[in-house]
Amino acid sequence: MINKTKSVLVTGGAGFIGSNLPKKLVELHYNVIIIDNLSRYFKSKKIIKL
């Protein structure tokens, strides 16, 4: 059987919409991937490069 679950990429996951939209998408059985660079929340001096 083929898995027909759709995947969704949500950018800006730390913002208001980006943090609430995934909840609804999961309820609708989507596979959700969230990314955010947090550039509006932290000064670049505090971000540690990996």
C-alpha atoms as a PDB file:
ATOM      1  CA  MET A   1       0.000   0.000   0.000  1.00  0.00           C
ATOM      2  CA  ILE A   2       1.317   3.427  -0.927  1.00  0.00           C
ATOM      3  CA  ASN A   3       1.371   6.119   1.777  1.00  0.00           C
ATOM      4  CA  LYS A   4      -0.552   9.089   0.349  1.00  0.00           C
ATOM      5  CA  THR A   5       0.130  11.454   3.248  1.00  0.00           C
ATOM      6  CA  LYS A   6       0.998  14.869   1.879  1.00  0.00           C
ATOM      7  CA  SER A   7       3.942  16.806   3.272  1.00  0.00           C
ATOM      8  CA  VAL A   8       3.879  20.544   3.898  1.00  0.00           C
ATOM      9  CA  LEU A   9       6.841  22.828   4.599  1.00  0.00           C
ATOM     10  CA  VAL A  10       5.961  25.765   6.864  1.00  0.00           C
ATOM     11  CA  THR A  11       8.486  28.596   6.939  1.00  0.00           C
ATOM     12  CA  GLY A  12       8.534  31.112   9.756  1.00  0.00           C
ATOM     13  CA  GLY A  13       7.485  28.527  12.317  1.00  0.00           C
ATOM     14  CA  ALA A  14       8.253  30.770  15.295  1.00  0.00           C
ATOM     15  CA  GLY A  15       5.741  33.413  14.229  1.00  0.00           C
ATOM     16  CA  PHE A  16       2.042  33.512  15.052  1.00  0.00           C
ATOM     17  CA  ILE A  17       0.759  31.940  11.836  1.00  0.00           C
ATOM     18  CA  GLY A  18       3.716  29.583  11.560  1.00  0.00           C
ATOM     19  CA  SER A  19       3.106  28.227  15.034  1.00  0.00           C
ATOM     20  CA  ASN A  20      -0.675  27.789  14.681  1.00  0.00           C
ATOM     21  CA  LEU A  21      -1.049  26.605  11.097  1.00  0.00           C
ATOM     22  CA  PRO A  22       0.866  23.332  11.681  1.00  0.00           C
ATOM     23  CA  LYS A  23      -1.577  22.326  14.435  1.00  0.00           C
ATOM     24  CA  LYS A  24      -4.437  22.387  11.951  1.00  0.00           C
ATOM     25  CA  LEU A  25      -2.395  20.660   9.249  1.00  0.00           C
ATOM     26  CA  VAL A  26      -1.566  17.798  11.630  1.00  0.00           C
ATOM     27  CA  GLU A  27      -5.263  17.463  12.470  1.00  0.00           C
ATOM     28  CA  LEU A  28      -5.869  17.122   8.711  1.00  0.00           C
ATOM     29  CA  HIS A  29      -3.247  14.332   8.590  1.00  0.00           C
ATOM     30  CA  TYR A  30      -0.485  16.246   6.818  1.00  0.00           C
ATOM     31  CA  ASN A  31       3.184  15.545   7.488  1.00  0.00           C
ATOM     32  CA  VAL A  32       4.452  18.970   8.640  1.00  0.00           C
ATOM     33  CA  ILE A  33       8.037  20.239   8.496  1.00  0.00           C
ATOM     34  CA  ILE A  34       8.710  23.601  10.164  1.00  0.00           C
ATOM     35  CA  ILE A  35      11.735  25.844   9.690  1.00  0.00           C
ATOM     36  CA  ASP A  36      12.582  29.280  10.997  1.00  0.00           C
ATOM     37  CA  ASN A  37      15.864  31.154  11.213  1.00  0.00           C
ATOM     38  CA  LEU A  38      14.656  33.212  14.220  1.00  0.00           C
ATOM     39  CA  SER A  39      16.256  36.327  12.726  1.00  0.00           C
ATOM     40  CA  ARG A  40      13.463  38.607  13.961  1.00  0.00           C
ATOM     41  CA  TYR A  41      13.643  37.271  17.512  1.00  0.00           C
ATOM     42  CA  PHE A  42      17.341  37.094  18.326  1.00  0.00           C
ATOM     43  CA  LYS A  43      20.302  39.253  17.484  1.00  0.00           C
ATOM     44  CA  SER A  44      22.788  37.485  15.256  1.00  0.00           C
ATOM     45  CA  LYS A  45      25.430  37.590  18.040  1.00  0.00           C
ATOM     46  CA  LYS A  46      23.353  35.146  20.085  1.00  0.00           C
ATOM     47  CA  ILE A  47      22.856  32.582  17.316  1.00  0.00           C
ATOM     48  CA  ILE A  48      25.434  29.816  17.381  1.00  0.00           C
ATOM     49  CA  LYS A  49      26.533  28.549  13.981  1.00  0.00           C
ATOM     50  CA  LEU A  50      26.583  24.793  13.714  1.00  0.00           C
END
